[in-house]
Amino acid sequence: MQVRRTAIADVLILEPTVYGDARGFFLESYNAQRFAQLTGVSPAFVQDNHSRSARGVLRGLHYQIRQPQGKLVRAVRGAVFDVAVDLRRGSGSFGRWVGAELSAENHRQMWVPPGFAHGFVVLSEAADFLYKTTDYYAPEHERCLLWNDPAVGVHWPIDGEPLLSAKDRQGCLLEACETYP
């Protein structure tokens, strides 16, 4: 596995070693010891989630103000553009974002630490998206940063308006969002 730092050092792209032949492929998607050795992070994952979405669906930018979740995310079918926005006021990268394409073909994963809003848009006809989380889903603490907040300026690789949930259409601007210290 190779680990690449992004423009925000705490957000990481992981590229597993893939062993392929005429039968298909094998890869190790997670190994706690190897992850800690390569990243310096030892998350305790407590929940796995799986979503399926159609082309143009944008989910996010979600975070939990209490019980913040670190997330290890990947697409196992199709392709998504995955985004993390730093909401830690004490950070030198507060309000900045990073993004990467994650797909079934490139096998990349993204580590999104606690303190970040997270979201993705589906680039393929459909995508199955998996994520491991370091805390449980707590709807009473869930918040949403508006996906197209001009102060953040995410460059989503889509034409036109994405398909959004009602909750995501009503996300907050960064200046009005609850954030982390």
C-alpha atoms as a PDB file:
ATOM      1  CA  MET A   1       0.000   0.000   0.000  1.00  0.00           C
ATOM      2  CA  GLN A   2       1.139   3.504  -0.773  1.00  0.00           C
ATOM      3  CA  VAL A   3      -0.008   6.586   1.110  1.00  0.00           C
ATOM      4  CA  ARG A   4      -0.133   9.996  -0.543  1.00  0.00           C
ATOM      5  CA  ARG A   5      -0.535  13.197   1.404  1.00  0.00           C
ATOM      6  CA  THR A   6      -2.962  15.711  -0.024  1.00  0.00           C
ATOM      7  CA  ALA A   7      -2.822  19.517   0.093  1.00  0.00           C
ATOM      8  CA  ILE A   8      -4.305  19.126   3.591  1.00  0.00           C
ATOM      9  CA  ALA A   9      -1.759  16.904   5.320  1.00  0.00           C
ATOM     10  CA  ASP A  10      -4.263  15.071   7.565  1.00  0.00           C
ATOM     11  CA  VAL A  11      -6.351  13.865   4.603  1.00  0.00           C
ATOM     12  CA  LEU A  12      -4.680  10.894   2.950  1.00  0.00           C
ATOM     13  CA  ILE A  13      -5.096   8.925  -0.267  1.00  0.00           C
ATOM     14  CA  LEU A  14      -4.330   5.232   0.095  1.00  0.00           C
ATOM     15  CA  GLU A  15      -3.468   3.096  -2.905  1.00  0.00           C
ATOM     16  CA  PRO A  16      -3.499  -0.604  -2.059  1.00  0.00           C
ATOM     17  CA  THR A  17      -1.295  -3.139  -3.743  1.00  0.00           C
ATOM     18  CA  VAL A  18      -3.476  -5.009  -6.232  1.00  0.00           C
ATOM     19  CA  TYR A  19      -2.597  -8.542  -7.296  1.00  0.00           C
ATOM     20  CA  GLY A  20      -4.291  -9.313 -10.595  1.00  0.00           C
ATOM     21  CA  ASP A  21      -4.310 -12.080 -13.145  1.00  0.00           C
ATOM     22  CA  ALA A  22      -6.687 -13.625 -15.684  1.00  0.00           C
ATOM     23  CA  ARG A  23      -9.046 -14.657 -12.838  1.00  0.00           C
ATOM     24  CA  GLY A  24      -9.488 -11.135 -11.451  1.00  0.00           C
ATOM     25  CA  PHE A  25      -7.722  -9.401  -8.584  1.00  0.00           C
ATOM     26  CA  PHE A  26      -7.038  -9.503  -4.852  1.00  0.00           C
ATOM     27  CA  LEU A  27      -6.277  -6.590  -2.564  1.00  0.00           C
ATOM     28  CA  GLU A  28      -6.157  -6.023   1.155  1.00  0.00           C
ATOM     29  CA  SER A  29      -8.632  -3.199   1.748  1.00  0.00           C
ATOM     30  CA  TYR A  30      -7.748  -2.657   5.406  1.00  0.00           C
ATOM     31  CA  ASN A  31      -5.105  -3.886   7.829  1.00  0.00           C
ATOM     32  CA  ALA A  32      -4.950  -2.045  11.179  1.00  0.00           C
ATOM     33  CA  GLN A  33      -1.224  -2.621  11.703  1.00  0.00           C
ATOM     34  CA  ARG A  34      -0.248  -1.561   8.185  1.00  0.00           C
ATOM     35  CA  PHE A  35      -2.561   1.455   8.273  1.00  0.00           C
ATOM     36  CA  ALA A  36      -1.032   2.676  11.543  1.00  0.00           C
ATOM     37  CA  GLN A  37       2.501   2.003  10.324  1.00  0.00           C
ATOM     38  CA  LEU A  38       2.021   3.956   7.089  1.00  0.00           C
ATOM     39  CA  THR A  39      -0.191   6.796   8.311  1.00  0.00           C
ATOM     40  CA  GLY A  40       0.678   7.265  11.977  1.00  0.00           C
ATOM     41  CA  VAL A  41      -3.052   7.002  12.719  1.00  0.00           C
ATOM     42  CA  SER A  42      -4.699   4.151  14.627  1.00  0.00           C
ATOM     43  CA  PRO A  43      -8.438   4.595  14.216  1.00  0.00           C
ATOM     44  CA  ALA A  44     -10.883   2.315  15.986  1.00  0.00           C
ATOM     45  CA  PHE A  45     -13.607   1.705  13.425  1.00  0.00           C
ATOM     46  CA  VAL A  46     -17.043   1.005  14.892  1.00  0.00           C
ATOM     47  CA  GLN A  47     -19.400   1.142  11.915  1.00  0.00           C
ATOM     48  CA  ASP A  48     -19.345   0.258   8.204  1.00  0.00           C
ATOM     49  CA  ASN A  49     -21.737   1.962   5.762  1.00  0.00           C
ATOM     50  CA  HIS A  50     -22.641   1.229   2.150  1.00  0.00           C
ATOM     51  CA  SER A  51     -24.506   3.558  -0.184  1.00  0.00           C
ATOM     52  CA  ARG A  52     -25.559   3.158  -3.808  1.00  0.00           C
ATOM     53  CA  SER A  53     -26.218   6.255  -5.866  1.00  0.00           C
ATOM     54  CA  ALA A  54     -26.938   7.143  -9.490  1.00  0.00           C
ATOM     55  CA  ARG A  55     -24.940   9.446 -11.762  1.00  0.00           C
ATOM     56  CA  GLY A  56     -25.069  13.064 -10.614  1.00  0.00           C
ATOM     57  CA  VAL A  57     -26.113  12.323  -7.036  1.00  0.00           C
ATOM     58  CA  LEU A  58     -24.186  14.487  -4.599  1.00  0.00           C
ATOM     59  CA  ARG A  59     -24.177  13.438  -0.947  1.00  0.00           C
ATOM     60  CA  GLY A  60     -22.772  15.955   1.505  1.00  0.00           C
ATOM     61  CA  LEU A  61     -21.052  17.826   2.807  1.00  0.00           C
ATOM     62  CA  HIS A  62     -21.847  16.035   6.084  1.00  0.00           C
ATOM     63  CA  TYR A  63     -20.258  16.047   9.521  1.00  0.00           C
ATOM     64  CA  GLN A  64     -21.207  15.430  13.145  1.00  0.00           C
ATOM     65  CA  ILE A  65     -20.531  18.312  15.526  1.00  0.00           C
ATOM     66  CA  ARG A  66     -20.488  15.875  18.466  1.00  0.00           C
ATOM     67  CA  GLN A  67     -19.256  12.332  18.019  1.00  0.00           C
ATOM     68  CA  PRO A  68     -17.153  13.462  15.018  1.00  0.00           C
ATOM     69  CA  GLN A  69     -16.392  10.633  12.656  1.00  0.00           C
ATOM     70  CA  GLY A  70     -13.155   9.761  10.966  1.00  0.00           C
ATOM     71  CA  LYS A  71     -13.930   7.962   7.710  1.00  0.00           C
ATOM     72  CA  LEU A  72     -12.020   5.568   5.489  1.00  0.00           C
ATOM     73  CA  VAL A  73     -13.923   5.678   2.204  1.00  0.00           C
ATOM     74  CA  ARG A  74     -13.821   3.938  -1.180  1.00  0.00           C
ATOM     75  CA  ALA A  75     -15.892   3.187  -4.256  1.00  0.00           C
ATOM     76  CA  VAL A  76     -16.260  -0.525  -5.012  1.00  0.00           C
ATOM     77  CA  ARG A  77     -18.490  -0.013  -8.047  1.00  0.00           C
ATOM     78  CA  GLY A  78     -18.319   2.947 -10.408  1.00  0.00           C
ATOM     79  CA  ALA A  79     -16.559   6.237  -9.685  1.00  0.00           C
ATOM     80  CA  VAL A  80     -17.041   9.227  -7.405  1.00  0.00           C
ATOM     81  CA  PHE A  81     -15.321  12.529  -6.792  1.00  0.00           C
ATOM     82  CA  ASP A  82     -14.761  12.540  -3.029  1.00  0.00           C
ATOM     83  CA  VAL A  83     -14.284  15.758  -1.016  1.00  0.00           C
ATOM     84  CA  ALA A  84     -13.152  16.659   2.504  1.00  0.00           C
ATOM     85  CA  VAL A  85     -13.461  20.198   3.930  1.00  0.00           C
ATOM     86  CA  ASP A  86     -11.486  21.185   7.023  1.00  0.00           C
ATOM     87  CA  LEU A  87     -13.843  22.547   9.715  1.00  0.00           C
ATOM     88  CA  ARG A  88     -11.244  22.775  12.509  1.00  0.00           C
ATOM     89  CA  ARG A  89     -11.007  26.497  13.326  1.00  0.00           C
ATOM     90  CA  GLY A  90      -7.564  26.059  14.877  1.00  0.00           C
ATOM     91  CA  SER A  91      -6.170  24.486  11.729  1.00  0.00           C
ATOM     92  CA  GLY A  92      -4.073  26.322   9.180  1.00  0.00           C
ATOM     93  CA  SER A  93      -6.283  24.777   6.490  1.00  0.00           C
ATOM     94  CA  PHE A  94      -9.653  25.782   7.989  1.00  0.00           C
ATOM     95  CA  GLY A  95     -12.277  26.148   5.250  1.00  0.00           C
ATOM     96  CA  ARG A  96     -10.070  24.556   2.582  1.00  0.00           C
ATOM     97  CA  TRP A  97     -10.998  21.426   0.675  1.00  0.00           C
ATOM     98  CA  VAL A  98      -9.309  18.522  -1.077  1.00  0.00           C
ATOM     99  CA  GLY A  99     -10.820  16.069  -3.502  1.00  0.00           C
ATOM    100  CA  ALA A 100      -9.910  12.921  -5.395  1.00  0.00           C
ATOM    101  CA  GLU A 101     -11.510  10.474  -7.761  1.00  0.00           C
ATOM    102  CA  LEU A 102     -12.142   7.134  -6.101  1.00  0.00           C
ATOM    103  CA  SER A 103     -13.244   4.276  -8.313  1.00  0.00           C
ATOM    104  CA  ALA A 104     -13.608   0.532  -8.590  1.00  0.00           C
ATOM    105  CA  GLU A 105     -10.826   0.677 -11.188  1.00  0.00           C
ATOM    106  CA  ASN A 106      -8.231   2.705  -9.254  1.00  0.00           C
ATOM    107  CA  HIS A 107      -9.019   1.068  -5.860  1.00  0.00           C
ATOM    108  CA  ARG A 108      -8.035   4.276  -4.040  1.00  0.00           C
ATOM    109  CA  GLN A 109      -9.298   5.073  -0.584  1.00  0.00           C
ATOM    110  CA  MET A 110      -9.410   8.380   1.262  1.00  0.00           C
ATOM    111  CA  TRP A 111      -8.841   8.855   4.981  1.00  0.00           C
ATOM    112  CA  VAL A 112     -10.979  11.750   6.198  1.00  0.00           C
ATOM    113  CA  PRO A 113     -10.123  12.494   9.848  1.00  0.00           C
ATOM    114  CA  PRO A 114     -12.609  13.750  12.443  1.00  0.00           C
ATOM    115  CA  GLY A 115     -13.180  17.491  12.126  1.00  0.00           C
ATOM    116  CA  PHE A 116     -13.927  17.470   8.402  1.00  0.00           C
ATOM    117  CA  ALA A 117     -17.104  17.730   6.377  1.00  0.00           C
ATOM    118  CA  HIS A 118     -17.293  14.981   3.781  1.00  0.00           C
ATOM    119  CA  GLY A 119     -19.195  14.402   0.558  1.00  0.00           C
ATOM    120  CA  PHE A 120     -19.033  12.927  -2.899  1.00  0.00           C
ATOM    121  CA  VAL A 121     -20.646  13.160  -6.310  1.00  0.00           C
ATOM    122  CA  VAL A 122     -21.184  10.141  -8.555  1.00  0.00           C
ATOM    123  CA  LEU A 123     -19.339  10.318 -11.885  1.00  0.00           C
ATOM    124  CA  SER A 124     -20.381   6.934 -13.324  1.00  0.00           C
ATOM    125  CA  GLU A 125     -23.837   5.534 -14.153  1.00  0.00           C
ATOM    126  CA  ALA A 126     -24.010   4.293 -10.557  1.00  0.00           C
ATOM    127  CA  ALA A 127     -21.609   3.871  -7.659  1.00  0.00           C
ATOM    128  CA  ASP A 128     -21.425   1.728  -4.564  1.00  0.00           C
ATOM    129  CA  PHE A 129     -19.578   3.644  -1.868  1.00  0.00           C
ATOM    130  CA  LEU A 130     -18.246   2.071   1.340  1.00  0.00           C
ATOM    131  CA  TYR A 131     -17.016   3.806   4.428  1.00  0.00           C
ATOM    132  CA  LYS A 132     -15.690   2.761   7.792  1.00  0.00           C
ATOM    133  CA  THR A 133     -16.336   5.237  10.614  1.00  0.00           C
ATOM    134  CA  THR A 134     -14.660   5.865  13.946  1.00  0.00           C
ATOM    135  CA  ASP A 135     -17.903   6.797  15.719  1.00  0.00           C
ATOM    136  CA  TYR A 136     -21.527   5.874  15.375  1.00  0.00           C
ATOM    137  CA  TYR A 137     -24.006   7.798  13.265  1.00  0.00           C
ATOM    138  CA  ALA A 138     -25.766  10.307  15.528  1.00  0.00           C
ATOM    139  CA  PRO A 139     -28.496  12.122  13.552  1.00  0.00           C
ATOM    140  CA  GLU A 140     -29.049  14.634  16.343  1.00  0.00           C
ATOM    141  CA  HIS A 141     -25.454  15.839  15.877  1.00  0.00           C
ATOM    142  CA  GLU A 142     -25.343  15.701  12.091  1.00  0.00           C
ATOM    143  CA  ARG A 143     -24.716  18.966  10.274  1.00  0.00           C
ATOM    144  CA  CYS A 144     -24.378  19.867   6.618  1.00  0.00           C
ATOM    145  CA  LEU A 145     -22.091  22.400   4.959  1.00  0.00           C
ATOM    146  CA  LEU A 146     -23.657  23.682   1.737  1.00  0.00           C
ATOM    147  CA  TRP A 147     -22.138  21.766  -1.178  1.00  0.00           C
ATOM    148  CA  ASN A 148     -21.622  24.895  -3.297  1.00  0.00           C
ATOM    149  CA  ASP A 149     -20.651  27.459  -0.657  1.00  0.00           C
ATOM    150  CA  PRO A 150     -18.596  30.037  -2.582  1.00  0.00           C
ATOM    151  CA  ALA A 151     -16.405  30.654   0.483  1.00  0.00           C
ATOM    152  CA  VAL A 152     -15.206  27.037   0.245  1.00  0.00           C
ATOM    153  CA  GLY A 153     -15.245  26.841  -3.552  1.00  0.00           C
ATOM    154  CA  VAL A 154     -15.270  23.103  -4.195  1.00  0.00           C
ATOM    155  CA  HIS A 155     -14.726  22.444  -7.911  1.00  0.00           C
ATOM    156  CA  TRP A 156     -17.198  19.599  -8.416  1.00  0.00           C
ATOM    157  CA  PRO A 157     -16.530  17.895 -11.789  1.00  0.00           C
ATOM    158  CA  ILE A 158     -20.165  18.026 -12.923  1.00  0.00           C
ATOM    159  CA  ASP A 159     -22.214  19.912 -15.464  1.00  0.00           C
ATOM    160  CA  GLY A 160     -25.362  21.514 -14.124  1.00  0.00           C
ATOM    161  CA  GLU A 161     -27.047  20.925 -10.811  1.00  0.00           C
ATOM    162  CA  PRO A 162     -26.464  17.667  -8.925  1.00  0.00           C
ATOM    163  CA  LEU A 163     -29.236  15.503  -7.495  1.00  0.00           C
ATOM    164  CA  LEU A 164     -29.490  16.461  -3.818  1.00  0.00           C
ATOM    165  CA  SER A 165     -31.543  15.426  -0.814  1.00  0.00           C
ATOM    166  CA  ALA A 166     -33.709  18.095   0.817  1.00  0.00           C
ATOM    167  CA  LYS A 167     -31.273  18.118   3.741  1.00  0.00           C
ATOM    168  CA  ASP A 168     -28.286  18.728   1.478  1.00  0.00           C
ATOM    169  CA  ARG A 169     -30.049  21.540  -0.422  1.00  0.00           C
ATOM    170  CA  GLN A 170     -30.434  23.348   2.910  1.00  0.00           C
ATOM    171  CA  GLY A 171     -26.844  23.058   4.110  1.00  0.00           C
ATOM    172  CA  CYS A 172     -25.258  25.995   5.940  1.00  0.00           C
ATOM    173  CA  LEU A 173     -22.697  28.401   4.604  1.00  0.00           C
ATOM    174  CA  LEU A 174     -19.280  28.072   6.243  1.00  0.00           C
ATOM    175  CA  GLU A 175     -19.709  31.398   8.056  1.00  0.00           C
ATOM    176  CA  ALA A 176     -22.889  30.091   9.737  1.00  0.00           C
ATOM    177  CA  CYS A 177     -21.818  26.470  10.352  1.00  0.00           C
ATOM    178  CA  GLU A 178     -21.002  25.022  13.721  1.00  0.00           C
ATOM    179  CA  THR A 179     -17.340  24.106  13.542  1.00  0.00           C
ATOM    180  CA  TYR A 180     -14.686  22.413  15.639  1.00  0.00           C
ATOM    181  CA  PRO A 181     -12.168  24.222  17.869  1.00  0.00           C
END
